[in-house]
């Protein structure tokens, strides 16, 4: 379960500019504990940094976002993962949820949806 204030968030995206922007944007409401730039590094970083929420891009090098999500949620049951993608597609969304994601946010609505989604899944509300 997440802390009621400033949940610990790990960012996973291969675009440094997006990671930097998300980190700055989330900082007032979340403790951004780190970031990874490829899916293969996610499980180790999650085990070391112990985030409450992982914000994960689907398009990651080496290990894609769906497989990285599957690995981390199998190894750390109950881990909250929010999958980010550039496209809104039911098949992709179902794949993300089947891989263990707690929620799905489309990048074009990231400003409106990401922080409320983090707060909602930390409160235990369904997506």
N, C-alpha and C. Protein backbone atom coordinates (compact mmCIF):
# COMPACT_ATOMS: atom_id res chain seq x y z
N UNK A 1 0.85 -1.19 0.00
CA UNK A 1 0.00 0.00 0.00
C UNK A 1 0.89 1.24 0.00
N UNK A 2 0.46 2.26 -0.67
CA UNK A 2 1.21 3.52 -0.76
C UNK A 2 0.98 4.38 0.48
N UNK A 3 1.96 5.20 0.73
CA UNK A 3 1.81 6.18 1.80
C UNK A 3 0.76 7.21 1.37
N UNK A 4 0.02 7.77 2.31
CA UNK A 4 -1.03 8.73 1.93
C UNK A 4 -0.47 10.01 1.31
N UNK A 5 0.75 10.36 1.64
CA UNK A 5 1.35 11.55 1.03
C UNK A 5 2.65 11.16 0.35
N UNK A 6 2.91 11.78 -0.77
CA UNK A 6 4.15 11.61 -1.52
C UNK A 6 4.56 10.15 -1.74
N UNK A 7 3.82 9.41 -2.52
CA UNK A 7 4.22 8.03 -2.81
C UNK A 7 5.58 7.99 -3.49
N UNK A 8 6.33 6.92 -3.23
CA UNK A 8 7.63 6.71 -3.85
C UNK A 8 7.41 6.18 -5.27
N UNK A 9 7.97 6.89 -6.25
CA UNK A 9 7.74 6.57 -7.66
C UNK A 9 9.07 6.30 -8.37
N UNK A 10 9.10 5.23 -9.15
CA UNK A 10 10.22 4.91 -10.02
C UNK A 10 9.77 5.13 -11.45
N UNK A 11 10.55 5.88 -12.22
CA UNK A 11 10.23 6.17 -13.62
C UNK A 11 11.02 5.25 -14.54
N UNK A 12 10.36 4.69 -15.56
CA UNK A 12 11.01 3.81 -16.52
C UNK A 12 10.65 4.27 -17.93
N UNK A 13 11.59 4.95 -18.57
CA UNK A 13 11.39 5.46 -19.92
C UNK A 13 12.77 5.67 -20.54
N UNK A 14 12.91 5.36 -21.82
CA UNK A 14 14.21 5.50 -22.47
C UNK A 14 14.47 6.90 -23.01
N UNK A 15 13.56 7.81 -22.85
CA UNK A 15 13.73 9.20 -23.29
C UNK A 15 14.07 10.06 -22.07
N UNK A 16 15.33 10.49 -22.00
CA UNK A 16 15.80 11.25 -20.84
C UNK A 16 14.99 12.52 -20.61
N UNK A 17 14.56 13.18 -21.67
CA UNK A 17 13.78 14.40 -21.52
C UNK A 17 12.43 14.14 -20.86
N UNK A 18 11.82 13.02 -21.19
CA UNK A 18 10.53 12.67 -20.59
C UNK A 18 10.72 12.35 -19.11
N UNK A 19 11.77 11.60 -18.80
CA UNK A 19 12.06 11.26 -17.39
C UNK A 19 12.30 12.53 -16.58
N UNK A 20 13.10 13.44 -17.13
CA UNK A 20 13.38 14.70 -16.43
C UNK A 20 12.11 15.51 -16.22
N UNK A 21 11.31 15.65 -17.27
CA UNK A 21 10.06 16.42 -17.17
C UNK A 21 9.09 15.78 -16.18
N UNK A 22 8.92 14.46 -16.27
CA UNK A 22 8.02 13.78 -15.33
C UNK A 22 8.51 13.91 -13.89
N UNK A 23 9.80 13.76 -13.69
CA UNK A 23 10.36 13.89 -12.35
C UNK A 23 10.09 15.25 -11.74
N UNK A 24 10.31 16.29 -12.53
CA UNK A 24 10.06 17.65 -12.03
C UNK A 24 8.58 17.88 -11.78
N UNK A 25 7.75 17.39 -12.67
CA UNK A 25 6.32 17.60 -12.57
C UNK A 25 5.73 16.86 -11.37
N UNK A 26 6.22 15.64 -11.12
CA UNK A 26 5.68 14.84 -10.01
C UNK A 26 6.26 15.22 -8.65
N UNK A 27 7.43 15.85 -8.64
CA UNK A 27 8.16 16.11 -7.39
C UNK A 27 7.35 16.77 -6.27
N UNK A 28 6.47 17.71 -6.54
CA UNK A 28 5.72 18.30 -5.42
C UNK A 28 4.79 17.30 -4.71
N UNK A 29 4.34 16.28 -5.44
CA UNK A 29 3.36 15.35 -4.89
C UNK A 29 3.90 13.94 -4.65
N UNK A 30 5.05 13.63 -5.24
CA UNK A 30 5.61 12.29 -5.15
C UNK A 30 7.10 12.36 -4.85
N UNK A 31 7.62 11.32 -4.25
CA UNK A 31 9.06 11.19 -4.08
C UNK A 31 9.57 10.32 -5.22
N UNK A 32 10.19 10.94 -6.21
CA UNK A 32 10.73 10.21 -7.35
C UNK A 32 12.07 9.61 -6.90
N UNK A 33 12.10 8.28 -6.75
CA UNK A 33 13.25 7.62 -6.15
C UNK A 33 14.32 7.23 -7.16
N UNK A 34 14.00 7.31 -8.45
CA UNK A 34 14.98 6.97 -9.47
C UNK A 34 14.33 6.74 -10.81
N UNK A 35 15.19 6.33 -11.77
CA UNK A 35 14.69 6.05 -13.11
C UNK A 35 15.57 5.00 -13.77
N UNK A 36 15.00 4.31 -14.73
CA UNK A 36 15.73 3.38 -15.58
C UNK A 36 15.40 3.70 -17.03
N UNK A 37 16.36 3.41 -17.91
CA UNK A 37 16.19 3.74 -19.32
C UNK A 37 15.95 2.51 -20.19
N UNK A 38 15.95 1.33 -19.59
CA UNK A 38 15.65 0.13 -20.36
C UNK A 38 14.98 -0.90 -19.47
N UNK A 39 14.12 -1.70 -20.10
CA UNK A 39 13.28 -2.62 -19.35
C UNK A 39 14.04 -3.66 -18.55
N UNK A 40 15.21 -4.07 -19.02
CA UNK A 40 15.99 -5.08 -18.32
C UNK A 40 16.47 -4.62 -16.95
N UNK A 41 16.57 -3.33 -16.74
CA UNK A 41 17.05 -2.78 -15.46
C UNK A 41 15.93 -2.56 -14.45
N UNK A 42 14.69 -2.73 -14.87
CA UNK A 42 13.57 -2.37 -14.00
C UNK A 42 13.48 -3.23 -12.74
N UNK A 43 13.58 -4.53 -12.88
CA UNK A 43 13.42 -5.42 -11.72
C UNK A 43 14.47 -5.14 -10.66
N UNK A 44 15.72 -4.99 -11.06
CA UNK A 44 16.79 -4.71 -10.09
C UNK A 44 16.56 -3.37 -9.41
N UNK A 45 16.19 -2.35 -10.19
CA UNK A 45 15.96 -1.02 -9.62
C UNK A 45 14.77 -1.03 -8.66
N UNK A 46 13.71 -1.74 -9.03
CA UNK A 46 12.54 -1.82 -8.15
C UNK A 46 12.88 -2.51 -6.84
N UNK A 47 13.67 -3.59 -6.90
CA UNK A 47 14.06 -4.31 -5.68
C UNK A 47 14.97 -3.45 -4.80
N UNK A 48 15.82 -2.65 -5.42
CA UNK A 48 16.77 -1.83 -4.67
C UNK A 48 16.12 -0.56 -4.11
N UNK A 49 15.26 0.09 -4.91
CA UNK A 49 14.70 1.40 -4.54
C UNK A 49 13.36 1.30 -3.81
N UNK A 50 12.70 0.17 -3.92
CA UNK A 50 11.41 -0.07 -3.25
C UNK A 50 10.38 1.03 -3.48
N UNK A 51 10.07 1.31 -4.74
CA UNK A 51 9.02 2.29 -5.01
C UNK A 51 7.66 1.72 -4.64
N UNK A 52 6.70 2.59 -4.49
CA UNK A 52 5.32 2.15 -4.30
C UNK A 52 4.60 2.10 -5.64
N UNK A 53 5.08 2.90 -6.59
CA UNK A 53 4.49 2.97 -7.93
C UNK A 53 5.62 3.04 -8.95
N UNK A 54 5.45 2.29 -10.04
CA UNK A 54 6.36 2.38 -11.18
C UNK A 54 5.58 2.97 -12.34
N UNK A 55 6.12 4.01 -12.95
CA UNK A 55 5.54 4.59 -14.16
C UNK A 55 6.40 4.09 -15.31
N UNK A 56 5.83 3.26 -16.17
CA UNK A 56 6.57 2.47 -17.15
C UNK A 56 6.10 2.72 -18.57
N UNK A 57 7.03 3.14 -19.42
CA UNK A 57 6.74 3.28 -20.85
C UNK A 57 6.70 1.90 -21.49
N UNK A 58 5.79 1.70 -22.43
CA UNK A 58 5.71 0.41 -23.12
C UNK A 58 6.88 0.17 -24.05
N UNK A 59 7.34 1.20 -24.72
CA UNK A 59 8.42 1.06 -25.70
C UNK A 59 9.77 1.28 -25.03
N UNK A 60 10.34 0.17 -24.57
CA UNK A 60 11.64 0.21 -23.89
C UNK A 60 12.61 -0.69 -24.64
N UNK A 61 13.90 -0.32 -24.66
CA UNK A 61 14.88 -1.19 -25.31
C UNK A 61 15.21 -2.42 -24.46
N UNK A 62 15.76 -3.44 -25.10
CA UNK A 62 16.19 -4.71 -24.51
C UNK A 62 15.03 -5.55 -24.03
N UNK A 63 14.31 -5.13 -23.02
CA UNK A 63 13.12 -5.84 -22.55
C UNK A 63 11.97 -4.84 -22.66
N UNK A 64 10.94 -5.18 -23.45
CA UNK A 64 9.85 -4.20 -23.65
C UNK A 64 9.06 -3.99 -22.36
N UNK A 65 8.25 -2.94 -22.36
CA UNK A 65 7.51 -2.56 -21.17
C UNK A 65 6.57 -3.63 -20.65
N UNK A 66 5.91 -4.37 -21.56
CA UNK A 66 4.99 -5.42 -21.10
C UNK A 66 5.74 -6.53 -20.37
N UNK A 67 6.86 -6.96 -20.94
CA UNK A 67 7.64 -8.01 -20.29
C UNK A 67 8.25 -7.51 -18.99
N UNK A 68 8.72 -6.27 -18.97
CA UNK A 68 9.28 -5.69 -17.74
C UNK A 68 8.20 -5.62 -16.66
N UNK A 69 6.99 -5.23 -17.05
CA UNK A 69 5.86 -5.18 -16.11
C UNK A 69 5.57 -6.58 -15.57
N UNK A 70 5.53 -7.55 -16.45
CA UNK A 70 5.27 -8.93 -16.04
C UNK A 70 6.33 -9.41 -15.04
N UNK A 71 7.60 -9.14 -15.34
CA UNK A 71 8.69 -9.58 -14.47
C UNK A 71 8.59 -8.94 -13.08
N UNK A 72 8.36 -7.64 -13.05
CA UNK A 72 8.36 -6.95 -11.75
C UNK A 72 7.12 -7.30 -10.93
N UNK A 73 5.97 -7.46 -11.57
CA UNK A 73 4.77 -7.79 -10.79
C UNK A 73 4.77 -9.25 -10.33
N UNK A 74 5.46 -10.13 -11.07
CA UNK A 74 5.59 -11.52 -10.60
C UNK A 74 6.58 -11.60 -9.44
N UNK A 75 7.66 -10.86 -9.54
CA UNK A 75 8.68 -10.89 -8.48
C UNK A 75 8.26 -10.12 -7.24
N UNK A 76 7.44 -9.09 -7.43
CA UNK A 76 7.03 -8.22 -6.34
C UNK A 76 5.50 -8.09 -6.36
N UNK A 77 4.79 -9.13 -5.96
CA UNK A 77 3.32 -9.08 -5.99
C UNK A 77 2.79 -7.85 -5.25
N UNK A 78 1.81 -7.23 -5.84
CA UNK A 78 1.22 -6.04 -5.23
C UNK A 78 1.87 -4.75 -5.69
N UNK A 79 2.98 -4.85 -6.45
CA UNK A 79 3.63 -3.64 -6.96
C UNK A 79 2.65 -2.93 -7.89
N UNK A 80 2.52 -1.63 -7.72
CA UNK A 80 1.65 -0.82 -8.55
C UNK A 80 2.44 -0.35 -9.77
N UNK A 81 1.96 -0.67 -10.95
CA UNK A 81 2.62 -0.26 -12.20
C UNK A 81 1.61 0.48 -13.06
N UNK A 82 2.00 1.68 -13.48
CA UNK A 82 1.19 2.46 -14.41
C UNK A 82 1.92 2.42 -15.74
N UNK A 83 1.27 1.89 -16.75
CA UNK A 83 1.87 1.78 -18.08
C UNK A 83 1.52 3.02 -18.89
N UNK A 84 2.56 3.60 -19.50
CA UNK A 84 2.39 4.75 -20.40
C UNK A 84 2.55 4.30 -21.83
N UNK A 85 1.73 4.84 -22.72
CA UNK A 85 1.88 4.55 -24.14
C UNK A 85 1.41 5.75 -24.95
N UNK A 86 1.88 5.80 -26.18
CA UNK A 86 1.52 6.91 -27.06
C UNK A 86 0.16 6.69 -27.72
N UNK A 87 -0.33 5.46 -27.73
CA UNK A 87 -1.59 5.16 -28.41
C UNK A 87 -2.62 4.59 -27.46
N UNK A 88 -3.85 4.93 -27.71
CA UNK A 88 -4.96 4.37 -26.94
C UNK A 88 -5.53 3.21 -27.76
N UNK A 89 -5.28 2.00 -27.28
CA UNK A 89 -5.68 0.81 -28.01
C UNK A 89 -6.14 -0.24 -27.00
N UNK A 90 -7.34 -0.76 -27.19
CA UNK A 90 -7.88 -1.73 -26.24
C UNK A 90 -7.00 -2.97 -26.10
N UNK A 91 -6.43 -3.43 -27.21
CA UNK A 91 -5.59 -4.63 -27.17
C UNK A 91 -4.32 -4.38 -26.35
N UNK A 92 -3.71 -3.21 -26.54
CA UNK A 92 -2.52 -2.86 -25.77
C UNK A 92 -2.88 -2.71 -24.30
N UNK A 93 -4.00 -2.06 -24.03
CA UNK A 93 -4.43 -1.89 -22.64
C UNK A 93 -4.68 -3.24 -21.98
N UNK A 94 -5.35 -4.14 -22.65
CA UNK A 94 -5.60 -5.47 -22.08
C UNK A 94 -4.31 -6.23 -21.86
N UNK A 95 -3.35 -6.08 -22.79
CA UNK A 95 -2.05 -6.72 -22.62
C UNK A 95 -1.32 -6.19 -21.40
N UNK A 96 -1.40 -4.88 -21.19
CA UNK A 96 -0.74 -4.26 -20.03
C UNK A 96 -1.38 -4.75 -18.73
N UNK A 97 -2.68 -4.79 -18.69
CA UNK A 97 -3.38 -5.26 -17.49
C UNK A 97 -3.10 -6.74 -17.24
N UNK A 98 -3.04 -7.54 -18.32
CA UNK A 98 -2.73 -8.96 -18.18
C UNK A 98 -1.30 -9.17 -17.68
N UNK A 99 -0.41 -8.24 -18.00
CA UNK A 99 0.99 -8.31 -17.54
C UNK A 99 1.13 -7.87 -16.08
N UNK A 100 0.05 -7.39 -15.48
CA UNK A 100 0.08 -7.02 -14.07
C UNK A 100 -0.02 -5.53 -13.79
N UNK A 101 -0.19 -4.72 -14.84
CA UNK A 101 -0.30 -3.27 -14.63
C UNK A 101 -1.54 -2.94 -13.80
N UNK A 102 -1.40 -1.93 -12.97
CA UNK A 102 -2.52 -1.45 -12.16
C UNK A 102 -3.36 -0.45 -12.92
N UNK A 103 -2.73 0.24 -13.88
CA UNK A 103 -3.42 1.29 -14.63
C UNK A 103 -2.69 1.54 -15.94
N UNK A 104 -3.32 2.30 -16.79
CA UNK A 104 -2.86 2.57 -18.15
C UNK A 104 -3.11 4.05 -18.42
N UNK A 105 -2.09 4.80 -18.83
CA UNK A 105 -2.25 6.23 -19.13
C UNK A 105 -1.70 6.50 -20.53
N UNK A 106 -2.49 7.17 -21.34
CA UNK A 106 -2.06 7.56 -22.69
C UNK A 106 -1.27 8.86 -22.57
N UNK A 107 -0.12 8.90 -23.25
CA UNK A 107 0.79 10.05 -23.10
C UNK A 107 0.13 11.38 -23.46
N UNK A 108 -0.77 11.39 -24.41
CA UNK A 108 -1.38 12.68 -24.79
C UNK A 108 -2.23 13.27 -23.67
N UNK A 109 -2.59 12.45 -22.69
CA UNK A 109 -3.37 12.95 -21.55
C UNK A 109 -2.60 12.81 -20.24
N UNK A 110 -1.28 12.74 -20.33
CA UNK A 110 -0.46 12.50 -19.15
C UNK A 110 -0.62 13.60 -18.09
N UNK A 111 -0.72 14.85 -18.54
CA UNK A 111 -0.84 15.97 -17.58
C UNK A 111 -2.15 15.87 -16.80
N UNK A 112 -3.22 15.48 -17.47
CA UNK A 112 -4.52 15.38 -16.81
C UNK A 112 -4.67 14.10 -16.00
N UNK A 113 -4.03 13.00 -16.47
CA UNK A 113 -4.35 11.69 -15.92
C UNK A 113 -3.31 11.05 -15.01
N UNK A 114 -2.02 11.36 -15.18
CA UNK A 114 -1.00 10.58 -14.45
C UNK A 114 -1.08 10.77 -12.93
N UNK A 115 -1.03 11.98 -12.45
CA UNK A 115 -1.04 12.20 -11.00
C UNK A 115 -2.34 11.70 -10.37
N UNK A 116 -3.51 11.99 -10.95
CA UNK A 116 -4.73 11.41 -10.37
C UNK A 116 -4.72 9.88 -10.37
N UNK A 117 -4.11 9.28 -11.39
CA UNK A 117 -4.02 7.82 -11.44
C UNK A 117 -3.11 7.30 -10.35
N UNK A 118 -1.97 7.95 -10.13
CA UNK A 118 -1.08 7.56 -9.03
C UNK A 118 -1.84 7.64 -7.71
N UNK A 119 -2.52 8.73 -7.48
CA UNK A 119 -3.27 8.90 -6.23
C UNK A 119 -4.37 7.85 -6.08
N UNK A 120 -5.06 7.56 -7.18
CA UNK A 120 -6.17 6.59 -7.14
C UNK A 120 -5.66 5.19 -6.82
N UNK A 121 -4.58 4.76 -7.49
CA UNK A 121 -4.12 3.39 -7.21
C UNK A 121 -3.45 3.30 -5.83
N UNK A 122 -2.88 4.39 -5.37
CA UNK A 122 -2.32 4.39 -4.01
C UNK A 122 -3.42 4.32 -2.95
N UNK A 123 -4.56 4.85 -3.27
CA UNK A 123 -5.69 4.79 -2.35
C UNK A 123 -6.40 3.44 -2.42
N UNK A 124 -5.98 2.60 -3.37
CA UNK A 124 -6.58 1.29 -3.51
C UNK A 124 -7.82 1.25 -4.36
N UNK A 125 -8.12 2.37 -5.02
CA UNK A 125 -9.31 2.41 -5.87
C UNK A 125 -9.01 1.73 -7.20
N UNK A 126 -9.96 1.05 -7.79
CA UNK A 126 -9.74 0.41 -9.09
C UNK A 126 -9.57 1.47 -10.17
N UNK A 127 -8.86 1.08 -11.24
CA UNK A 127 -8.66 1.99 -12.37
C UNK A 127 -9.93 2.11 -13.19
